[in-house]
């Protein structure tokens, strides 16, 4: 217990709390900027089993804010989950760190996330958060939501049966308008701050302490913060926690998005079952900061984020991603530039 001695001296944790941490299991979904901060704190704090889940590889542009990775990781094209696990095992070899290279979806979410004591959000898109929310309620697992973009971030704790769930707070999945780190940027300190808050709330949950009852919002550039008490915000008519209707785990639900590799075309089609009109002009203005908008009219928008990939956005929310037939890679581009 010597390595945790300073944490044990903090009376709300103490030796009993430390033993609870060592016996706990945490899953982190997404090992980007938030996920690396969260994982670093949970591993150093002695959470006994930490699963790191991510679908992407380390890239040079990650290094500005994704604090566990190095230039060598980017040169080797290492999966983020593997690179993070290697670094963290050098920090704490006495716990179990389990990297999983996977795209979390309705086919594997239960296998990846059921059986944990807490789930922590390190993702950058709404659809996976709704999926995590369904898993949380179905299996009665607390989870910590967090997000950061530009200079602002927010976080909240979701406790099934006690707090409002994510779908109570955000009833509708947003139609993406490109406000992601890849389109409007992000400052490294905000990801450190939000990730640290998320890790702290996860630790509180694991030791049985009271969690933060607020949805917290912070902007570190414009020096603003807001606390919204959500403790009484449960919606009895919420489809998820009120009616236990798990739309994001239900293949027949209109909340699903179909990702299909088109035969012989090196293209993936992304087709939301429920059509949400996209403001193409607004999206074009955002995407021009991140790449080339090569065509735009009232019906579609063509965008080239790099030399290999082109994306065609249609007004009804459908997207074609040319230049790949890899569904995981296509989902990554979709999350980066559609914010979904």
Protein backbone atom coordinates (compact mmCIF):
# COMPACT_ATOMS: atom_id res chain seq x y z
CA UNK A 1 0.00 0.00 0.00
CA UNK A 2 3.05 2.27 0.20
CA UNK A 3 2.59 3.66 -3.29
CA UNK A 4 -0.89 4.92 -2.26
CA UNK A 5 0.22 6.34 1.11
CA UNK A 6 -0.52 9.98 0.26
CA UNK A 7 -3.94 9.08 -1.03
CA UNK A 8 -4.65 6.99 2.09
CA UNK A 9 -3.79 10.00 4.25
CA UNK A 10 -6.78 11.77 2.70
CA UNK A 11 -9.40 10.77 5.28
CA UNK A 12 -12.44 10.46 2.97
CA UNK A 13 -10.54 7.66 1.21
CA UNK A 14 -8.29 6.18 3.88
CA UNK A 15 -7.16 2.56 3.88
CA UNK A 16 -10.69 1.20 3.57
CA UNK A 17 -11.36 3.30 0.48
CA UNK A 18 -8.04 2.28 -1.02
CA UNK A 19 -8.91 -1.39 -0.62
CA UNK A 20 -12.22 -0.71 -2.35
CA UNK A 21 -10.35 0.88 -5.25
CA UNK A 22 -8.02 -2.09 -5.55
CA UNK A 23 -11.03 -4.42 -5.72
CA UNK A 24 -12.85 -2.29 -8.32
CA UNK A 25 -13.27 -2.55 -12.08
CA UNK A 26 -13.47 0.50 -14.34
CA UNK A 27 -14.03 0.72 -18.10
CA UNK A 28 -12.91 3.78 -20.05
CA UNK A 29 -14.53 4.22 -23.46
CA UNK A 30 -12.27 6.25 -25.73
CA UNK A 31 -8.56 6.80 -25.22
CA UNK A 32 -8.24 10.26 -26.73
CA UNK A 33 -7.59 13.45 -24.79
CA UNK A 34 -10.11 12.79 -22.02
CA UNK A 35 -9.46 9.06 -21.87
CA UNK A 36 -5.72 9.41 -21.42
CA UNK A 37 -6.21 11.79 -18.48
CA UNK A 38 -8.86 9.56 -16.89
CA UNK A 39 -6.78 6.40 -17.32
CA UNK A 40 -3.67 8.05 -15.92
CA UNK A 41 -5.47 9.05 -12.73
CA UNK A 42 -7.35 5.77 -12.22
CA UNK A 43 -4.23 3.67 -12.73
CA UNK A 44 -2.11 5.83 -10.43
CA UNK A 45 -4.91 5.79 -7.84
CA UNK A 46 -4.91 2.00 -7.77
CA UNK A 47 -8.17 0.95 -9.40
CA UNK A 48 -7.59 -2.80 -9.57
CA UNK A 49 -8.81 -3.51 -13.10
CA UNK A 50 -8.94 -0.86 -15.83
CA UNK A 51 -10.19 -1.64 -19.33
CA UNK A 52 -9.07 0.79 -22.04
CA UNK A 53 -11.29 0.72 -25.14
CA UNK A 54 -10.48 2.59 -28.35
CA UNK A 55 -10.72 1.99 -32.11
CA UNK A 56 -8.09 4.45 -33.37
CA UNK A 57 -4.33 4.70 -33.94
CA UNK A 58 -1.99 7.32 -32.49
CA UNK A 59 -1.44 10.26 -34.87
CA UNK A 60 0.95 13.19 -34.63
CA UNK A 61 -1.93 15.64 -34.21
CA UNK A 62 -2.98 13.79 -31.04
CA UNK A 63 0.18 14.68 -29.13
CA UNK A 64 -0.87 18.27 -28.36
CA UNK A 65 -3.44 17.00 -25.84
CA UNK A 66 -3.42 13.18 -25.57
CA UNK A 67 -0.92 12.96 -22.77
CA UNK A 68 0.03 9.27 -22.71
CA UNK A 69 1.40 9.13 -26.26
CA UNK A 70 4.75 9.92 -27.88
CA UNK A 71 6.12 10.65 -31.34
CA UNK A 72 7.37 7.06 -31.45
CA UNK A 73 3.82 5.76 -30.90
CA UNK A 74 2.67 7.87 -33.86
CA UNK A 75 5.56 6.68 -36.07
CA UNK A 76 4.70 3.07 -35.30
CA UNK A 77 0.95 3.64 -35.88
CA UNK A 78 0.23 1.96 -32.56
CA UNK A 79 -3.38 1.50 -31.50
CA UNK A 80 -4.18 4.00 -28.76
CA UNK A 81 -5.39 1.32 -26.36
CA UNK A 82 -2.11 -0.60 -26.71
CA UNK A 83 0.17 2.45 -26.47
CA UNK A 84 -1.71 3.69 -23.40
CA UNK A 85 -1.59 0.29 -21.71
CA UNK A 86 2.17 -0.02 -22.31
CA UNK A 87 2.80 3.40 -20.78
CA UNK A 88 0.52 2.82 -17.80
CA UNK A 89 1.97 -0.61 -16.98
CA UNK A 90 5.27 1.17 -16.46
CA UNK A 91 3.49 3.39 -13.93
CA UNK A 92 1.64 0.67 -12.00
CA UNK A 93 2.48 -2.99 -12.58
CA UNK A 94 0.43 -4.18 -9.61
CA UNK A 95 -3.01 -3.74 -11.17
CA UNK A 96 -4.57 -5.17 -14.33
CA UNK A 97 -4.66 -2.91 -17.38
CA UNK A 98 -6.62 -4.46 -20.24
CA UNK A 99 -6.44 -2.77 -23.66
CA UNK A 100 -9.24 -3.49 -26.14
CA UNK A 101 -8.95 -2.37 -29.76
CA UNK A 102 -12.61 -2.07 -30.70
CA UNK A 103 -15.33 0.17 -32.01
CA UNK A 104 -18.03 0.16 -29.31
CA UNK A 105 -21.40 -0.57 -30.94
CA UNK A 106 -24.67 -2.34 -30.21
CA UNK A 107 -23.14 -5.72 -31.15
CA UNK A 108 -20.33 -5.64 -28.58
CA UNK A 109 -21.30 -3.02 -25.99
CA UNK A 110 -22.75 -5.49 -23.49
CA UNK A 111 -19.70 -7.77 -23.71
CA UNK A 112 -17.31 -4.84 -23.32
CA UNK A 113 -19.07 -2.91 -20.55
CA UNK A 114 -21.27 -5.23 -18.47
CA UNK A 115 -19.79 -6.32 -15.14
CA UNK A 116 -17.92 -3.11 -14.34
CA UNK A 117 -18.33 -0.94 -11.26
CA UNK A 118 -18.11 2.29 -13.25
CA UNK A 119 -17.95 3.36 -16.89
CA UNK A 120 -16.11 6.58 -17.74
CA UNK A 121 -16.65 8.58 -20.92
CA UNK A 122 -13.56 9.43 -22.92
CA UNK A 123 -15.40 9.63 -26.23
CA UNK A 124 -16.02 12.46 -28.66
CA UNK A 125 -19.45 11.66 -30.08
CA UNK A 126 -23.06 11.51 -29.02
CA UNK A 127 -24.09 8.10 -30.37
CA UNK A 128 -21.68 6.15 -28.16
CA UNK A 129 -22.81 8.16 -25.12
CA UNK A 130 -26.43 7.16 -25.70
CA UNK A 131 -25.24 3.57 -26.07
CA UNK A 132 -23.28 3.79 -22.79
CA UNK A 133 -26.36 5.27 -21.16
CA UNK A 134 -28.48 2.28 -22.23
CA UNK A 135 -25.83 -0.13 -20.88
CA UNK A 136 -25.66 1.83 -17.63
CA UNK A 137 -29.40 1.60 -17.03
CA UNK A 138 -29.83 -1.99 -18.24
CA UNK A 139 -27.05 -3.32 -15.98
CA UNK A 140 -27.30 -0.72 -13.18
CA UNK A 141 -23.76 0.60 -13.68
CA UNK A 142 -22.92 4.22 -12.76
CA UNK A 143 -21.13 6.21 -15.42
CA UNK A 144 -19.43 9.57 -15.72
CA UNK A 145 -20.14 11.72 -18.75
CA UNK A 146 -17.65 14.29 -20.00
CA UNK A 147 -16.94 16.28 -23.13
CA UNK A 148 -14.48 18.95 -24.22
CA UNK A 149 -14.07 21.00 -27.39
CA UNK A 150 -12.52 24.38 -28.14
CA UNK A 151 -11.97 26.01 -24.73
CA UNK A 152 -15.04 24.59 -23.02
CA UNK A 153 -16.07 21.36 -21.38
CA UNK A 154 -18.71 19.76 -19.21
CA UNK A 155 -19.24 16.67 -17.06
CA UNK A 156 -21.93 14.97 -15.00
CA UNK A 157 -22.44 11.78 -13.00
CA UNK A 158 -25.17 9.35 -14.02
CA UNK A 159 -26.38 6.93 -11.31
CA UNK A 160 -29.20 4.64 -12.52
CA UNK A 161 -32.32 5.04 -10.42
CA UNK A 162 -30.95 8.09 -8.56
CA UNK A 163 -29.96 10.79 -11.03
CA UNK A 164 -31.37 11.80 -14.38
CA UNK A 165 -29.82 9.71 -17.13
CA UNK A 166 -28.00 11.12 -20.14
CA UNK A 167 -31.17 10.92 -22.21
CA UNK A 168 -33.08 12.89 -19.56
CA UNK A 169 -30.48 15.64 -19.89
CA UNK A 170 -30.13 15.45 -23.68
CA UNK A 171 -33.35 13.92 -25.02
CA UNK A 172 -32.44 13.97 -28.70
CA UNK A 173 -29.30 12.83 -30.44
CA UNK A 174 -27.99 15.92 -32.16
CA UNK A 175 -27.66 16.12 -35.90
CA UNK A 176 -23.94 16.72 -36.35
CA UNK A 177 -22.77 20.18 -37.33
CA UNK A 178 -19.08 19.48 -37.19
CA UNK A 179 -18.25 21.04 -33.82
CA UNK A 180 -15.47 18.63 -32.88
CA UNK A 181 -11.80 18.93 -32.03
CA UNK A 182 -11.02 18.34 -35.72
CA UNK A 183 -13.22 21.20 -36.90
CA UNK A 184 -13.00 23.95 -34.26
CA UNK A 185 -9.97 22.80 -32.27
CA UNK A 186 -9.39 22.15 -28.58
CA UNK A 187 -7.07 23.47 -25.89
CA UNK A 188 -5.07 20.90 -23.95
CA UNK A 189 -5.79 22.35 -20.48
CA UNK A 190 -9.57 21.92 -20.85
CA UNK A 191 -9.19 18.21 -21.59
CA UNK A 192 -6.91 17.87 -18.55
CA UNK A 193 -9.45 19.64 -16.36
CA UNK A 194 -12.54 17.77 -17.53
CA UNK A 195 -10.73 14.41 -17.58
CA UNK A 196 -9.49 15.02 -14.04
CA UNK A 197 -12.99 15.85 -12.84
CA UNK A 198 -14.30 12.69 -14.48
CA UNK A 199 -11.62 10.58 -12.82
CA UNK A 200 -12.37 12.15 -9.45
CA UNK A 201 -16.08 11.40 -9.77
CA UNK A 202 -15.29 7.80 -10.76
CA UNK A 203 -13.11 7.43 -7.66
CA UNK A 204 -15.90 8.84 -5.48
CA UNK A 205 -18.30 6.26 -6.92
CA UNK A 206 -15.85 3.41 -6.32
CA UNK A 207 -15.18 4.28 -2.68
CA UNK A 208 -18.86 4.95 -1.96
CA UNK A 209 -18.58 8.72 -1.48
CA UNK A 210 -21.16 11.32 -2.51
CA UNK A 211 -20.86 12.34 -6.14
CA UNK A 212 -21.15 15.86 -7.57
CA UNK A 213 -24.90 16.52 -8.09
CA UNK A 214 -24.33 19.12 -10.80
CA UNK A 215 -23.90 19.27 -14.53
CA UNK A 216 -20.74 21.39 -14.57
CA UNK A 217 -19.76 23.60 -17.51
CA UNK A 218 -16.41 25.36 -17.76
CA UNK A 219 -14.80 27.69 -20.30
CA UNK A 220 -11.12 28.31 -19.58
CA UNK A 221 -10.53 30.92 -22.29
CA UNK A 222 -13.48 33.18 -21.51
CA UNK A 223 -13.26 32.50 -17.75
CA UNK A 224 -16.77 31.27 -17.16
CA UNK A 225 -18.29 28.36 -15.32
CA UNK A 226 -21.81 27.21 -14.57
CA UNK A 227 -23.22 24.68 -12.11
CA UNK A 228 -26.65 23.25 -12.83
CA UNK A 229 -28.14 21.09 -10.07
CA UNK A 230 -29.61 18.10 -11.89
CA UNK A 231 -30.40 15.96 -8.84
CA UNK A 232 -34.14 16.39 -9.35
CA UNK A 233 -34.04 16.29 -13.13
CA UNK A 234 -35.25 12.75 -13.80
CA UNK A 235 -37.89 12.56 -16.51
CA UNK A 236 -40.51 9.90 -15.66
CA UNK A 237 -41.31 9.66 -19.37
CA UNK A 238 -37.68 9.20 -20.42
CA UNK A 239 -37.56 6.29 -22.88
CA UNK A 240 -34.37 4.97 -21.30
CA UNK A 241 -34.55 5.28 -17.51
CA UNK A 242 -38.31 5.86 -17.28
CA UNK A 243 -39.60 3.19 -19.65
CA UNK A 244 -36.45 1.02 -19.95
CA UNK A 245 -36.64 1.20 -23.72
CA UNK A 246 -33.07 0.77 -24.91
CA UNK A 247 -33.23 2.28 -28.39
CA UNK A 248 -29.47 2.37 -28.84
CA UNK A 249 -29.19 -1.36 -28.14
CA UNK A 250 -32.17 -2.19 -30.36
CA UNK A 251 -31.33 -2.91 -33.96
CA UNK A 252 -34.92 -2.11 -35.05
CA UNK A 253 -34.98 1.32 -33.38
CA UNK A 254 -35.16 4.50 -35.45
CA UNK A 255 -32.18 5.76 -33.41
CA UNK A 256 -29.81 3.41 -35.23
CA UNK A 257 -27.33 4.51 -37.86
CA UNK A 258 -26.38 2.01 -40.58
CA UNK A 259 -22.72 1.83 -41.62
CA UNK A 260 -22.40 -0.11 -44.89
CA UNK A 261 -19.34 -0.79 -47.05
CA UNK A 262 -20.48 -0.44 -50.68
CA UNK A 263 -19.29 -3.38 -52.74
CA UNK A 264 -16.47 -2.56 -55.17
CA UNK A 265 -16.59 1.18 -54.51
CA UNK A 266 -14.09 1.71 -51.66
CA UNK A 267 -16.88 3.69 -49.99
CA UNK A 268 -18.81 3.48 -46.74
CA UNK A 269 -22.36 4.77 -46.55
CA UNK A 270 -23.59 6.14 -43.23
CA UNK A 271 -27.37 6.23 -43.16
CA UNK A 272 -29.32 7.31 -40.07
CA UNK A 273 -32.66 5.51 -39.89
CA UNK A 274 -34.30 8.64 -38.54
CA UNK A 275 -33.71 11.49 -40.94
CA UNK A 276 -32.64 14.74 -39.28
CA UNK A 277 -32.16 17.61 -41.75
CA UNK A 278 -28.62 18.96 -41.80
CA UNK A 279 -27.89 22.68 -42.19
CA UNK A 280 -25.46 22.27 -45.08
CA UNK A 281 -24.45 25.94 -45.30
CA UNK A 282 -23.60 26.08 -41.61
CA UNK A 283 -21.72 22.79 -41.86
CA UNK A 284 -19.74 24.09 -44.86
CA UNK A 285 -18.61 27.16 -42.92
CA UNK A 286 -17.33 24.96 -40.10
CA UNK A 287 -15.63 22.37 -42.34
CA UNK A 288 -13.73 25.00 -44.35
CA UNK A 289 -11.53 25.46 -41.29
CA UNK A 290 -10.61 21.75 -41.30
CA UNK A 291 -10.12 20.87 -44.98
CA UNK A 292 -11.40 21.56 -48.51
CA UNK A 293 -15.07 22.06 -49.27
CA UNK A 294 -15.03 21.18 -52.97
CA UNK A 295 -18.77 21.26 -53.73
CA UNK A 296 -21.80 22.73 -52.02
CA UNK A 297 -25.38 23.15 -53.16
CA UNK A 298 -28.84 22.92 -51.56
CA UNK A 299 -28.71 19.11 -51.76
CA UNK A 300 -25.21 18.04 -50.72
CA UNK A 301 -21.81 19.11 -49.49
CA UNK A 302 -18.51 17.51 -50.54
CA UNK A 303 -15.59 17.80 -48.13
CA UNK A 304 -11.99 16.54 -48.33
CA UNK A 305 -10.35 16.30 -44.89
CA UNK A 306 -7.13 14.92 -46.43
CA UNK A 307 -5.71 13.70 -49.73
CA UNK A 308 -7.10 10.17 -49.39
CA UNK A 309 -10.62 10.64 -48.02
CA UNK A 310 -13.60 12.60 -49.30
CA UNK A 311 -16.96 12.89 -47.56
CA UNK A 312 -20.31 13.72 -49.11
CA UNK A 313 -22.97 15.03 -46.70
CA UNK A 314 -26.59 14.94 -47.81
CA UNK A 315 -29.35 17.15 -46.48
CA UNK A 316 -31.19 14.20 -44.90
CA UNK A 317 -28.18 13.22 -42.77
CA UNK A 318 -26.79 10.50 -45.02
CA UNK A 319 -23.00 10.55 -45.55
CA UNK A 320 -20.77 8.80 -48.09
CA UNK A 321 -17.12 8.37 -47.13
CA UNK A 322 -14.97 7.69 -50.21
CA UNK A 323 -11.47 6.26 -49.92
CA UNK A 324 -12.05 3.45 -47.44
CA UNK A 325 -14.16 0.34 -46.98
CA UNK A 326 -13.13 -0.05 -43.34
CA UNK A 327 -16.19 0.57 -41.17
CA UNK A 328 -14.18 1.51 -38.07
CA UNK A 329 -12.13 4.05 -40.02
CA UNK A 330 -15.29 5.47 -41.59
CA UNK A 331 -16.89 5.82 -38.14
CA UNK A 332 -13.79 7.66 -36.96
CA UNK A 333 -14.03 10.19 -39.81
CA UNK A 334 -17.77 10.56 -39.23
CA UNK A 335 -17.20 11.30 -35.52
CA UNK A 336 -14.41 13.75 -36.29
CA UNK A 337 -16.26 15.87 -38.79
CA UNK A 338 -19.96 15.24 -38.19
CA UNK A 339 -19.78 15.35 -34.40
CA UNK A 340 -21.93 12.22 -34.13
